[in-house]
Amino acid sequence: MPLRGLENISYAYGLNHYTLDKPLKDLLKIYTKSRNDFTELGKFVGKEVYESTYRVDLESLPRLIYWGTNGERVDYTWIDPYERFIVNELIMKYGVNRYPFDNGTWHDHYAGIYLIGDPGLSCILTITIQTAYALNKYADGELRNRYKKLVGLDKDLELGATWFTETQGGSDLGANTTVAKKIKENTYLLNGYKYFSSGAGIADVSLVSARPENGKEGAKGLALYLLPRYNTKGELNYYIRRLKYKSGTNSVPTGEVELINSEAELVGKENEGIYYIMEDLTVSRLANAIGAMGTARKAYFEALGFSKDRKAFGKKIIEHPLMIRDLIDMEVSIEGGLALAYKAINEFQNSINSRPPYTKEYHYARFLTHIAKNVTAELSAKVTQLAMEAFGGIGFLTEYPIERWHREALITPIWEGTSNIQALDMLESMVKKRAHEVYLEDLKSLVNETYDKEFSKKLYDKTNEIMKWFSSLSPTEAEFNSKDFLRQQGHILASILLNSLAYHTGDEIYDVVSKQYYKLYVERKELDLINKYDEIISIHGLYEL
């Protein structure tokens, strides 16, 4: 008899998470014309990856080993061996991190992050590709070539990490106190303390923010350095004070790192460090946006399967109108958030070669990233809560996978900058970079490629009205209202993008979804799809048991 997995406790386990997802496949066709086939990856994430992340969260948390057998500090983080295998397979076999650098685009990479769904596991890949991104774009010589080890273009795989946060500053990077002392050409000694260091104890190299000796204050005084795990003498290059216990994201170890004369190399130009850091944050914020929807999709698969199986009051709960309403609410939310995330990814791809002081296309990509990161995080929290509720009391039990997805979703509004930070950064991109002007131009052209142009034109006009109102506010009033403004723009744009999806695919169900998304999140009215539920639930990438 073959070994069994999670079949009896999970409705998402064993499914191909790519072939079942029509919205993802349609978005990839539109944005990439990609020849990359994610069928095998979809199968892998639906079985091996799904079981591995469930196991890690339930009973196999990372563990920090401080001392070696000879009494020396090793600061090694043990992670589940099966998870190590999974990470290796995702990068080396399935090429999730390789796509943007070889035979693919960022759209393809983020499809992998979406399909993985687990924020902790995705974080390991994201901090690794962030490291590769900075090295490939801004480093020189052998330092630059090291990126190949991080993306699967070299037989020896390395993992990366990005350590920017310090306890006294959090998202306020200008408050960083870590100092870099130059000892020879391009070699520095770092002294400081990094408070949220994901990948601590498993990363081979890490990107670290630090202020050069006698450097200017504030964020613009920061430079970016590559910190190896071991120094040139082969000794441990930094110390891990502790690992943190978290509500979720347990697939990635997160610790506190102490830098004591830690050897590092400068990446790029010393006076441009903050720009490289912000680019790297764009990479991870897009991962956060697409990953949030991947988490939501996992929870939805669980809820849909359970609703087709569970009986209450004489019939399956999927036959009850209130359950139908919840499923439609979830599906509409996922499709809107996914469309929004891919639009931001596409603009990032279009601006990929921009360097400081940057083009207007880059600032526009940043503007959309802040919006997408915030909106998708809120959608993910809502969808996973509804999905957990569909299971009733057992949805609150840790022994079933559904409970974990809501916990995992709750990190997405927090890491890579909270919702307040996203609103402030969006505001900065408008005031200083006029990114909203590019947005309005793009929105106007986008309306011409929608299924229902009258509907989309109404949304464009509404956007203009909101923009004029927002522009008339004082700085204090603008900041006070910035999060609501961000949320409104995100929901309006998602509605238009869904309608554009109907235009490009010829699938009129996207037109229906577009209008329901608008009612739900812009007009904030009740759903009225009782006569269309079967088409949305059955057609749009969802499965028959």
Protein backbone atom coordinates (compact mmCIF):
# COMPACT_ATOMS: atom_id res chain seq x y z
CA MET A 1 0.00 0.00 0.00
CA PRO A 2 1.43 3.47 -0.90
CA LEU A 3 2.18 5.93 1.86
CA ARG A 4 -0.63 8.39 2.39
CA GLY A 5 -0.40 12.11 3.06
CA LEU A 6 -2.98 14.67 4.13
CA GLU A 7 -5.88 13.27 2.08
CA ASN A 8 -8.20 12.81 5.06
CA ILE A 9 -7.69 16.26 6.61
CA SER A 10 -7.13 18.57 3.62
CA TYR A 11 -9.16 19.35 0.53
CA ALA A 12 -6.32 21.26 -1.17
CA TYR A 13 -3.73 18.52 -0.77
CA GLY A 14 -3.00 16.43 -3.85
CA LEU A 15 -4.51 18.91 -6.30
CA ASN A 16 -2.58 20.59 -9.09
CA HIS A 17 -2.70 24.18 -7.90
CA TYR A 18 -1.75 25.55 -11.32
CA THR A 19 -4.03 23.68 -13.72
CA LEU A 20 -7.04 24.49 -11.54
CA ASP A 21 -6.39 28.24 -11.48
CA LYS A 22 -7.86 29.80 -14.61
CA PRO A 23 -7.34 33.44 -13.51
CA LEU A 24 -3.61 32.85 -13.01
CA LYS A 25 -3.25 31.15 -16.39
CA ASP A 26 -5.17 33.95 -18.13
CA LEU A 27 -3.05 36.68 -16.52
CA LEU A 28 0.17 34.94 -17.53
CA LYS A 29 -1.04 34.67 -21.12
CA ILE A 30 -1.87 38.37 -21.25
CA TYR A 31 1.23 39.76 -19.59
CA THR A 32 3.98 37.41 -20.72
CA LYS A 33 2.91 35.35 -23.75
CA SER A 34 5.04 32.94 -21.72
CA ARG A 35 5.97 29.51 -22.95
CA ASN A 36 6.84 28.42 -19.44
CA ASP A 37 4.57 25.65 -18.21
CA PHE A 38 3.89 25.51 -14.48
CA THR A 39 1.98 22.22 -14.54
CA GLU A 40 4.71 20.23 -12.80
CA LEU A 41 5.28 23.01 -10.26
CA GLY A 42 1.53 23.11 -9.60
CA LYS A 43 1.57 19.42 -8.82
CA PHE A 44 4.63 19.76 -6.57
CA VAL A 45 3.20 22.64 -4.50
CA GLY A 46 -0.13 20.83 -4.16
CA LYS A 47 1.48 17.80 -2.58
CA GLU A 48 5.10 17.85 -1.35
CA VAL A 49 5.23 21.58 -0.59
CA TYR A 50 1.79 21.57 1.01
CA GLU A 51 2.66 18.70 3.35
CA SER A 52 6.11 20.07 4.21
CA THR A 53 4.88 23.50 5.31
CA TYR A 54 2.03 21.95 7.30
CA ARG A 55 4.51 19.70 9.12
CA VAL A 56 6.96 22.52 9.87
CA ASP A 57 4.24 24.72 11.35
CA LEU A 58 2.72 21.94 13.43
CA GLU A 59 5.74 20.15 14.85
CA SER A 60 9.07 20.98 13.22
CA LEU A 61 9.98 24.60 13.97
CA PRO A 62 13.47 25.94 13.17
CA ARG A 63 15.90 25.54 16.04
CA LEU A 64 19.05 27.55 16.73
CA ILE A 65 22.17 25.53 17.58
CA TYR A 66 24.67 27.80 19.34
CA TRP A 67 27.66 25.58 20.03
CA GLY A 68 29.73 23.12 18.04
CA THR A 69 31.20 19.87 19.38
CA ASN A 70 34.51 21.58 20.21
CA GLY A 71 32.88 24.34 22.23
CA GLU A 72 32.99 26.96 19.48
CA ARG A 73 30.06 29.17 18.45
CA VAL A 74 28.41 27.89 15.26
CA ASP A 75 25.06 29.75 15.35
CA TYR A 76 23.49 27.26 12.97
CA THR A 77 19.75 27.12 12.41
CA TRP A 78 18.40 23.62 11.97
CA ILE A 79 15.38 23.41 9.71
CA ASP A 80 13.40 20.33 8.78
CA PRO A 81 15.41 18.23 6.27
CA TYR A 82 12.33 17.80 4.10
CA GLU A 83 11.97 21.58 3.93
CA ARG A 84 15.62 21.87 2.84
CA PHE A 85 14.84 19.43 0.05
CA ILE A 86 11.78 21.47 -0.94
CA VAL A 87 13.77 24.73 -1.12
CA ASN A 88 16.44 23.06 -3.25
CA GLU A 89 13.86 21.61 -5.62
CA LEU A 90 11.98 24.90 -6.02
CA ILE A 91 15.15 26.77 -7.01
CA MET A 92 17.27 24.14 -8.77
CA LYS A 93 14.66 21.91 -10.43
CA TYR A 94 11.62 24.15 -10.90
CA GLY A 95 13.61 27.36 -11.45
CA VAL A 96 11.36 29.69 -9.48
CA ASN A 97 14.24 32.12 -8.78
CA ARG A 98 15.89 31.61 -12.15
CA TYR A 99 13.10 32.99 -14.32
CA PRO A 100 13.88 36.73 -14.21
CA PHE A 101 17.50 36.04 -15.16
CA ASP A 102 17.12 33.20 -17.64
CA ASN A 103 14.27 32.18 -19.97
CA GLY A 104 11.53 34.10 -18.21
CA THR A 105 10.38 37.28 -16.53
CA TRP A 106 9.39 38.50 -13.09
CA HIS A 107 5.83 37.47 -13.97
CA ASP A 108 7.02 33.85 -14.05
CA HIS A 109 8.93 34.12 -10.78
CA TYR A 110 5.94 35.60 -8.98
CA ALA A 111 3.71 32.86 -10.40
CA GLY A 112 5.90 30.48 -8.43
CA ILE A 113 5.53 32.54 -5.25
CA TYR A 114 1.74 32.59 -5.74
CA LEU A 115 1.58 28.84 -6.27
CA ILE A 116 3.71 28.14 -3.18
CA GLY A 117 1.31 30.23 -1.09
CA ASP A 118 3.12 29.66 2.21
CA PRO A 119 4.59 33.05 3.31
CA GLY A 120 7.45 31.53 5.30
CA LEU A 121 8.71 29.27 2.53
CA SER A 122 8.17 32.02 -0.04
CA CYS A 123 10.20 34.36 2.19
CA ILE A 124 13.27 32.11 1.87
CA LEU A 125 13.03 32.36 -1.91
CA THR A 126 12.24 36.08 -1.83
CA ILE A 127 15.14 37.18 0.39
CA THR A 128 17.39 35.01 -1.77
CA ILE A 129 16.25 36.57 -5.04
CA GLN A 130 16.40 40.06 -3.50
CA THR A 131 20.08 39.41 -2.79
CA ALA A 132 20.59 38.19 -6.35
CA TYR A 133 18.74 41.19 -7.77
CA ALA A 134 20.99 43.73 -6.04
CA LEU A 135 24.19 41.87 -6.93
CA ASN A 136 23.21 41.35 -10.56
CA LYS A 137 22.20 44.97 -11.07
CA TYR A 138 24.67 46.96 -8.97
CA ALA A 139 27.73 44.85 -8.07
CA ASP A 140 30.81 44.32 -10.25
CA GLY A 141 33.22 41.48 -11.07
CA GLU A 142 33.23 38.39 -8.91
CA LEU A 143 30.87 39.99 -6.42
CA ARG A 144 28.27 40.35 -9.16
CA ASN A 145 28.75 36.80 -10.42
CA ARG A 146 27.79 35.45 -7.02
CA TYR A 147 24.14 36.09 -7.90
CA LYS A 148 24.21 32.96 -10.07
CA LYS A 149 24.50 30.76 -6.99
CA LEU A 150 21.34 32.34 -5.59
CA VAL A 151 19.07 31.67 -8.55
CA GLY A 152 20.05 28.19 -9.70
CA LEU A 153 22.43 29.18 -12.50
CA ASP A 154 25.34 27.53 -10.68
CA LYS A 155 25.56 23.93 -9.46
CA ASP A 156 26.27 25.17 -5.92
CA LEU A 157 23.11 26.69 -4.43
CA GLU A 158 23.40 29.51 -1.89
CA LEU A 159 20.67 31.21 0.09
CA GLY A 160 20.51 34.96 0.61
CA ALA A 161 18.89 37.33 3.09
CA THR A 162 18.12 41.04 3.53
CA TRP A 163 18.76 42.55 6.97
CA PHE A 164 17.70 46.18 7.16
CA THR A 165 15.49 46.45 10.27
CA GLU A 166 16.84 47.62 13.61
CA THR A 167 14.97 47.72 16.92
CA GLN A 168 15.11 51.49 17.40
CA GLY A 169 13.78 52.30 13.94
CA GLY A 170 11.67 49.52 12.46
CA SER A 171 10.50 50.80 9.08
CA ASP A 172 12.33 54.08 9.73
CA LEU A 173 15.58 53.05 8.04
CA GLY A 174 17.03 56.49 8.59
CA ALA A 175 17.32 55.57 12.28
CA ASN A 176 19.77 52.71 11.53
CA THR A 177 22.86 52.85 13.74
CA THR A 178 24.93 50.01 12.26
CA VAL A 179 28.31 51.46 11.21
CA ALA A 180 30.67 50.35 8.43
CA LYS A 181 34.41 50.98 8.80
CA LYS A 182 36.53 50.71 5.68
CA ILE A 183 39.70 48.64 6.19
CA LYS A 184 40.79 48.22 2.56
CA GLU A 185 39.43 48.64 -0.95
CA ASN A 186 35.78 47.54 -0.95
CA THR A 187 36.15 45.69 2.37
CA TYR A 188 34.46 46.92 5.54
CA LEU A 189 33.91 45.92 9.15
CA LEU A 190 30.30 46.23 10.32
CA ASN A 191 29.22 46.81 13.91
CA GLY A 192 25.57 46.93 14.89
CA TYR A 193 22.41 44.93 15.59
CA LYS A 194 19.69 43.75 13.20
CA TYR A 195 16.38 43.00 14.88
CA PHE A 196 14.23 41.15 12.31
CA SER A 197 16.61 38.98 10.32
CA SER A 198 14.76 36.40 8.27
CA GLY A 199 17.02 33.60 7.09
CA ALA A 200 19.26 33.90 10.15
CA GLY A 201 21.36 30.77 10.45
CA ILE A 202 20.55 29.41 6.96
CA ALA A 203 21.69 32.30 4.71
CA ASP A 204 25.10 32.00 3.05
CA VAL A 205 25.21 35.71 2.24
CA SER A 206 23.09 38.63 3.40
CA LEU A 207 22.47 42.17 2.24
CA VAL A 208 22.93 44.55 5.17
CA SER A 209 22.30 48.28 5.48
CA ALA A 210 24.94 50.28 7.36
CA ARG A 211 26.18 53.85 7.66
CA PRO A 212 29.77 54.49 6.57
CA GLU A 213 31.97 56.04 9.24
CA ASN A 214 31.38 59.79 9.38
CA GLY A 215 28.51 59.33 6.92
CA LYS A 216 25.58 61.68 6.89
CA GLU A 217 22.50 61.10 9.00
CA GLY A 218 19.17 59.80 7.73
CA ALA A 219 18.21 57.22 5.15
CA LYS A 220 20.29 58.80 2.39
CA GLY A 221 23.42 58.23 4.47
CA LEU A 222 23.04 54.43 4.27
CA ALA A 223 25.09 52.15 2.05
CA LEU A 224 24.46 48.51 1.12
CA TYR A 225 26.88 45.68 1.91
CA LEU A 226 27.11 41.97 1.23
CA LEU A 227 27.80 40.04 4.43
CA PRO A 228 29.02 36.41 4.10
CA ARG A 229 28.31 33.85 6.82
CA TYR A 230 32.02 33.26 7.31
CA ASN A 231 34.86 35.79 7.17
CA THR A 232 38.08 35.44 5.15
CA LYS A 233 39.63 33.39 7.96
CA GLY A 234 36.80 30.88 7.77
CA GLU A 235 35.38 32.00 11.10
CA LEU A 236 31.79 32.82 11.98
CA ASN A 237 31.25 36.38 10.74
CA TYR A 238 28.38 37.40 13.05
CA TYR A 239 26.33 36.06 15.95
CA ILE A 240 22.66 35.16 16.20
CA ARG A 241 21.31 36.22 19.58
CA ARG A 242 18.03 34.34 19.31
CA LEU A 243 15.27 33.09 17.01
CA LYS A 244 11.81 34.59 17.36
CA TYR A 245 8.65 32.62 18.04
CA LYS A 246 5.93 33.75 15.62
CA SER A 247 2.23 33.25 15.01
CA GLY A 248 3.00 32.04 11.50
CA THR A 249 5.70 32.06 8.79
CA ASN A 250 7.44 29.26 10.69
CA SER A 251 9.03 27.88 7.53
CA VAL A 252 11.53 30.73 7.67
CA PRO A 253 13.71 31.27 10.74
CA THR A 254 13.69 34.89 11.92
CA GLY A 255 16.31 36.01 14.40
CA GLU A 256 18.32 38.86 15.85
CA VAL A 257 21.82 39.28 14.43
CA GLU A 258 24.74 40.90 16.20
CA LEU A 259 27.49 42.33 14.00
CA ILE A 260 30.90 42.58 15.69
CA ASN A 261 33.68 43.57 13.27
CA SER A 262 31.84 41.56 10.63
CA GLU A 263 33.53 41.55 7.22
CA ALA A 264 31.45 42.80 4.31
CA GLU A 265 31.82 44.14 0.77
CA LEU A 266 30.23 47.30 -0.57
CA VAL A 267 27.53 46.81 -3.22
CA GLY A 268 27.46 49.53 -5.88
CA LYS A 269 28.00 53.15 -4.90
CA GLU A 270 28.25 54.18 -1.27
CA ASN A 271 25.92 57.17 -1.69
CA GLU A 272 23.16 55.18 -3.43
CA GLY A 273 22.53 52.52 -0.79
CA ILE A 274 19.03 53.67 0.15
CA TYR A 275 17.96 53.49 -3.49
CA TYR A 276 19.14 49.90 -3.79
CA ILE A 277 17.35 49.06 -0.54
CA MET A 278 14.08 50.58 -1.79
CA GLU A 279 14.36 48.62 -5.03
CA ASP A 280 14.87 45.44 -3.03
CA LEU A 281 11.83 46.32 -0.95
CA THR A 282 9.82 46.65 -4.15
CA VAL A 283 10.84 43.09 -5.04
CA SER A 284 9.66 41.78 -1.65
CA ARG A 285 6.52 43.91 -1.54
CA LEU A 286 5.43 42.45 -4.86
CA ALA A 287 6.14 38.99 -3.43
CA ASN A 288 3.99 39.96 -0.45
CA ALA A 289 1.14 41.03 -2.74
CA ILE A 290 1.13 37.97 -4.95
CA GLY A 291 1.88 35.65 -2.02
CA ALA A 292 -1.06 37.06 -0.04
CA MET A 293 -3.36 35.99 -2.86
CA GLY A 294 -1.65 32.60 -3.03
CA THR A 295 -2.40 32.11 0.66
CA ALA A 296 -6.01 33.14 0.04
CA ARG A 297 -6.29 30.66 -2.84
CA LYS A 298 -5.07 27.79 -0.64
CA ALA A 299 -7.72 28.63 1.97
CA TYR A 300 -10.35 28.87 -0.75
CA PHE A 301 -9.50 25.41 -2.11
CA GLU A 302 -9.97 24.04 1.40
CA ALA A 303 -13.30 25.83 1.94
CA LEU A 304 -14.70 24.90 -1.46
CA GLY A 305 -13.84 21.23 -1.04
CA PHE A 306 -15.33 21.12 2.44
CA SER A 307 -18.52 22.87 1.32
CA LYS A 308 -19.03 20.22 -1.38
CA ASP A 309 -18.55 17.42 1.13
CA ARG A 310 -20.16 18.63 4.35
CA LYS A 311 -23.91 18.24 4.86
CA ALA A 312 -26.04 20.40 7.15
CA PHE A 313 -29.81 20.71 7.46
CA GLY A 314 -30.37 17.96 4.91
CA LYS A 315 -28.13 19.15 2.05
CA LYS A 316 -24.54 19.97 1.23
CA ILE A 317 -23.57 23.36 2.58
CA ILE A 318 -22.56 24.56 -0.89
CA GLU A 319 -26.26 24.37 -1.74
CA HIS A 320 -27.14 26.90 0.96
CA PRO A 321 -27.44 30.50 -0.36
CA LEU A 322 -25.33 31.98 2.45
CA MET A 323 -22.48 29.58 1.72
CA ILE A 324 -22.78 30.39 -1.97
CA ARG A 325 -22.50 34.06 -1.09
CA ASP A 326 -19.34 33.49 0.95
CA LEU A 327 -17.70 31.45 -1.80
CA ILE A 328 -18.45 34.11 -4.40
CA ASP A 329 -17.18 36.81 -2.06
CA MET A 330 -13.91 34.89 -1.68
CA GLU A 331 -13.49 34.14 -5.38
CA VAL A 332 -14.24 37.70 -6.47
CA SER A 333 -11.74 38.99 -3.90
CA ILE A 334 -9.00 36.62 -5.06
CA GLU A 335 -9.48 37.44 -8.73
CA GLY A 336 -9.42 41.19 -8.08
CA GLY A 337 -6.35 41.00 -5.86
CA LEU A 338 -4.53 38.74 -8.32
CA ALA A 339 -5.23 41.11 -11.22
CA LEU A 340 -4.00 44.06 -9.16
CA ALA A 341 -0.81 42.28 -8.12
CA TYR A 342 0.01 41.30 -11.70
CA LYS A 343 -0.50 44.84 -12.95
CA ALA A 344 2.08 46.07 -10.42
CA ILE A 345 4.43 43.22 -11.36
CA ASN A 346 4.10 44.14 -15.02
CA GLU A 347 5.04 47.77 -14.40
CA PHE A 348 8.04 46.63 -12.34
CA GLN A 349 9.13 44.41 -15.23
CA ASN A 350 8.78 47.37 -17.62
CA SER A 351 11.04 49.54 -15.45
CA ILE A 352 13.60 46.90 -14.55
CA ASN A 353 16.57 48.66 -16.17
CA SER A 354 15.94 52.02 -14.52
CA ARG A 355 18.69 53.25 -12.17
CA PRO A 356 19.00 56.21 -9.79
CA PRO A 357 17.75 58.91 -10.26
CA TYR A 358 15.16 56.70 -12.04
CA THR A 359 12.55 57.11 -14.75
CA LYS A 360 8.91 58.01 -14.36
CA GLU A 361 8.09 54.38 -15.20
CA TYR A 362 10.00 53.21 -12.13
CA HIS A 363 8.20 55.65 -9.83
CA TYR A 364 4.89 54.49 -11.30
CA ALA A 365 5.83 50.86 -10.57
CA ARG A 366 6.59 51.85 -6.97
CA PHE A 367 3.26 53.69 -6.71
CA LEU A 368 1.35 50.60 -7.85
CA THR A 369 3.41 48.31 -5.61
CA HIS A 370 2.38 50.22 -2.49
CA ILE A 371 -1.27 50.00 -3.52
CA ALA A 372 -1.12 46.31 -4.44
CA LYS A 373 0.77 45.31 -1.30
CA ASN A 374 -1.79 46.96 0.95
CA VAL A 375 -4.99 45.91 -0.79
CA THR A 376 -4.01 42.27 -1.33
CA ALA A 377 -3.02 41.93 2.33
CA GLU A 378 -6.47 43.07 3.44
CA LEU A 379 -8.16 40.79 0.92
CA SER A 380 -6.10 37.80 2.06
CA ALA A 381 -7.03 38.32 5.70
CA LYS A 382 -10.71 38.54 4.76
CA VAL A 383 -10.72 35.49 2.46
CA THR A 384 -8.85 33.25 4.89
CA GLN A 385 -11.16 34.26 7.73
CA LEU A 386 -14.24 33.39 5.67
CA ALA A 387 -12.65 30.10 4.60
CA MET A 388 -11.85 29.17 8.19
CA GLU A 389 -15.39 30.06 9.23
CA ALA A 390 -16.80 27.73 6.56
CA PHE A 391 -15.42 24.79 8.57
CA GLY A 392 -17.22 25.83 11.72
CA GLY A 393 -15.61 24.73 14.99
CA ILE A 394 -13.01 22.44 13.41
CA GLY A 395 -11.74 25.43 11.42
CA PHE A 396 -10.27 26.74 14.67
CA LEU A 397 -8.33 23.54 15.42
CA THR A 398 -4.62 23.55 14.70
CA GLU A 399 -4.66 19.93 13.53
CA TYR A 400 -6.32 20.93 10.25
CA PRO A 401 -4.54 23.00 7.56
CA ILE A 402 -7.33 25.56 7.14
CA GLU A 403 -6.61 27.24 10.50
CA ARG A 404 -3.01 27.97 9.51
CA TRP A 405 -3.87 29.89 6.36
CA HIS A 406 -5.59 32.65 8.30
CA ARG A 407 -2.61 32.96 10.65
CA GLU A 408 -0.28 33.11 7.67
CA ALA A 409 -2.38 35.81 6.00
CA LEU A 410 -2.09 38.08 9.03
CA ILE A 411 1.61 38.75 8.44
CA THR A 412 1.01 40.21 4.97
CA PRO A 413 -0.22 43.65 6.17
CA ILE A 414 2.79 43.88 8.51
CA TRP A 415 6.10 42.78 7.03
CA GLU A 416 7.84 44.72 4.26
CA GLY A 417 6.22 47.86 5.71
CA THR A 418 2.87 48.09 7.46
CA SER A 419 -0.22 49.53 5.77
CA ASN A 420 0.62 52.96 7.21
CA ILE A 421 4.11 52.79 5.69
CA GLN A 422 2.67 51.79 2.30
CA ALA A 423 0.29 54.76 2.41
CA LEU A 424 3.11 57.16 3.33
CA ASP A 425 5.44 55.81 0.63
CA MET A 426 2.65 56.05 -1.94
CA LEU A 427 2.06 59.65 -0.89
CA GLU A 428 5.76 60.42 -1.28
CA SER A 429 5.76 58.97 -4.81
CA MET A 430 2.91 61.33 -5.67
CA VAL A 431 4.20 64.51 -4.06
CA LYS A 432 7.85 64.20 -5.07
CA LYS A 433 7.71 62.04 -8.21
CA ARG A 434 4.24 62.83 -9.63
CA ALA A 435 3.64 59.11 -10.10
CA HIS A 436 -0.13 59.59 -10.06
CA GLU A 437 0.08 61.54 -13.34
CA VAL A 438 1.47 58.45 -15.09
CA TYR A 439 -1.21 56.41 -13.34
CA LEU A 440 -4.03 58.54 -14.75
CA GLU A 441 -2.57 58.36 -18.26
CA ASP A 442 -2.26 54.59 -18.02
CA LEU A 443 -5.76 54.24 -16.61
CA LYS A 444 -7.18 56.25 -19.51
CA SER A 445 -5.57 53.95 -22.06
CA LEU A 446 -6.57 50.88 -20.08
CA VAL A 447 -10.25 51.87 -20.30
CA ASN A 448 -10.05 51.46 -24.09
CA GLU A 449 -9.22 47.79 -23.65
CA THR A 450 -12.12 46.76 -21.44
CA TYR A 451 -15.18 44.60 -22.03
CA ASP A 452 -17.66 47.22 -20.86
CA LYS A 453 -16.15 50.59 -21.75
CA GLU A 454 -19.07 52.55 -20.33
CA PHE A 455 -18.61 50.89 -16.95
CA SER A 456 -14.84 51.39 -17.02
CA LYS A 457 -15.17 55.02 -18.11
CA LYS A 458 -17.40 55.62 -15.08
CA LEU A 459 -14.64 54.23 -12.87
CA TYR A 460 -12.01 56.39 -14.58
CA ASP A 461 -14.13 59.50 -14.00
CA LYS A 462 -14.56 58.51 -10.36
CA THR A 463 -10.79 58.17 -10.04
CA ASN A 464 -10.32 61.67 -11.43
CA GLU A 465 -12.80 63.07 -8.92
CA ILE A 466 -11.07 61.36 -6.01
CA MET A 467 -7.66 62.48 -7.27
CA LYS A 468 -8.76 66.12 -7.50
CA TRP A 469 -10.20 65.99 -4.00
CA PHE A 470 -7.08 64.35 -2.59
CA SER A 471 -4.79 66.87 -4.31
CA SER A 472 -6.69 69.74 -2.70
CA LEU A 473 -5.91 68.57 0.84
CA SER A 474 -3.27 70.05 3.11
CA PRO A 475 -0.23 67.83 3.85
CA THR A 476 -1.69 66.85 7.24
CA GLU A 477 -5.11 66.09 5.74
CA ALA A 478 -3.53 64.13 2.88
CA GLU A 479 -1.56 61.93 5.28
CA PHE A 480 -4.64 61.41 7.47
CA ASN A 481 -6.66 60.22 4.44
CA SER A 482 -3.85 58.49 2.53
CA LYS A 483 -4.71 54.92 3.54
CA ASP A 484 -8.34 55.29 2.49
CA PHE A 485 -7.20 56.94 -0.74
CA LEU A 486 -4.81 54.05 -1.41
CA ARG A 487 -7.55 51.53 -0.73
CA GLN A 488 -10.01 53.31 -3.05
CA GLN A 489 -7.51 53.50 -5.89
CA GLY A 490 -6.61 49.84 -5.50
CA HIS A 491 -10.20 48.66 -5.61
CA ILE A 492 -11.13 50.85 -8.57
CA LEU A 493 -8.06 49.72 -10.49
CA ALA A 494 -8.78 46.06 -9.70
CA SER A 495 -12.32 46.50 -11.06
CA ILE A 496 -11.00 47.96 -14.32
CA LEU A 497 -8.31 45.29 -14.62
CA LEU A 498 -10.90 42.52 -14.24
CA ASN A 499 -12.97 44.13 -16.97
CA SER A 500 -9.87 44.34 -19.14
CA LEU A 501 -9.34 40.64 -18.49
CA ALA A 502 -12.81 39.99 -19.91
CA TYR A 503 -11.85 42.00 -23.01
CA HIS A 504 -8.57 40.16 -23.61
CA THR A 505 -9.84 36.65 -22.90
CA GLY A 506 -13.35 36.98 -24.31
CA ASP A 507 -14.63 35.46 -21.07
CA GLU A 508 -17.65 37.50 -20.01
CA ILE A 509 -17.56 36.03 -16.51
CA TYR A 510 -14.67 38.41 -15.78
CA ASP A 511 -17.05 41.26 -16.63
CA VAL A 512 -19.49 39.91 -14.03
CA VAL A 513 -16.69 39.50 -11.49
CA SER A 514 -15.44 43.02 -12.25
CA LYS A 515 -18.81 44.56 -11.45
CA GLN A 516 -19.29 42.48 -8.34
CA TYR A 517 -15.83 43.44 -7.11
CA TYR A 518 -16.76 47.09 -7.66
CA LYS A 519 -20.03 46.71 -5.75
CA LEU A 520 -18.32 44.89 -2.93
CA TYR A 521 -15.32 47.15 -2.39
CA VAL A 522 -16.09 50.53 -3.96
CA GLU A 523 -19.84 50.94 -3.61
CA ARG A 524 -19.81 48.57 -0.62
CA LYS A 525 -23.12 47.07 -1.59
CA GLU A 526 -24.33 43.52 -1.13
CA LEU A 527 -23.66 40.88 -3.77
CA ASP A 528 -26.52 40.05 -6.12
CA LEU A 529 -25.10 37.06 -8.00
CA ILE A 530 -27.47 34.29 -6.97
CA ASN A 531 -28.12 33.54 -10.65
CA LYS A 532 -24.43 33.50 -11.65
CA TYR A 533 -22.81 31.65 -8.77
CA ASP A 534 -22.46 28.34 -10.57
CA GLU A 535 -20.53 29.87 -13.48
CA ILE A 536 -18.11 31.69 -11.20
CA ILE A 537 -17.52 28.76 -8.86
CA SER A 538 -17.34 26.04 -11.51
CA ILE A 539 -15.64 27.78 -14.44
CA HIS A 540 -12.93 29.96 -12.96
CA GLY A 541 -10.17 27.50 -12.34
CA LEU A 542 -11.97 25.64 -9.60
CA TYR A 543 -12.27 21.93 -9.35
CA GLU A 544 -14.74 19.12 -9.25
CA LEU A 545 -14.19 16.58 -6.47
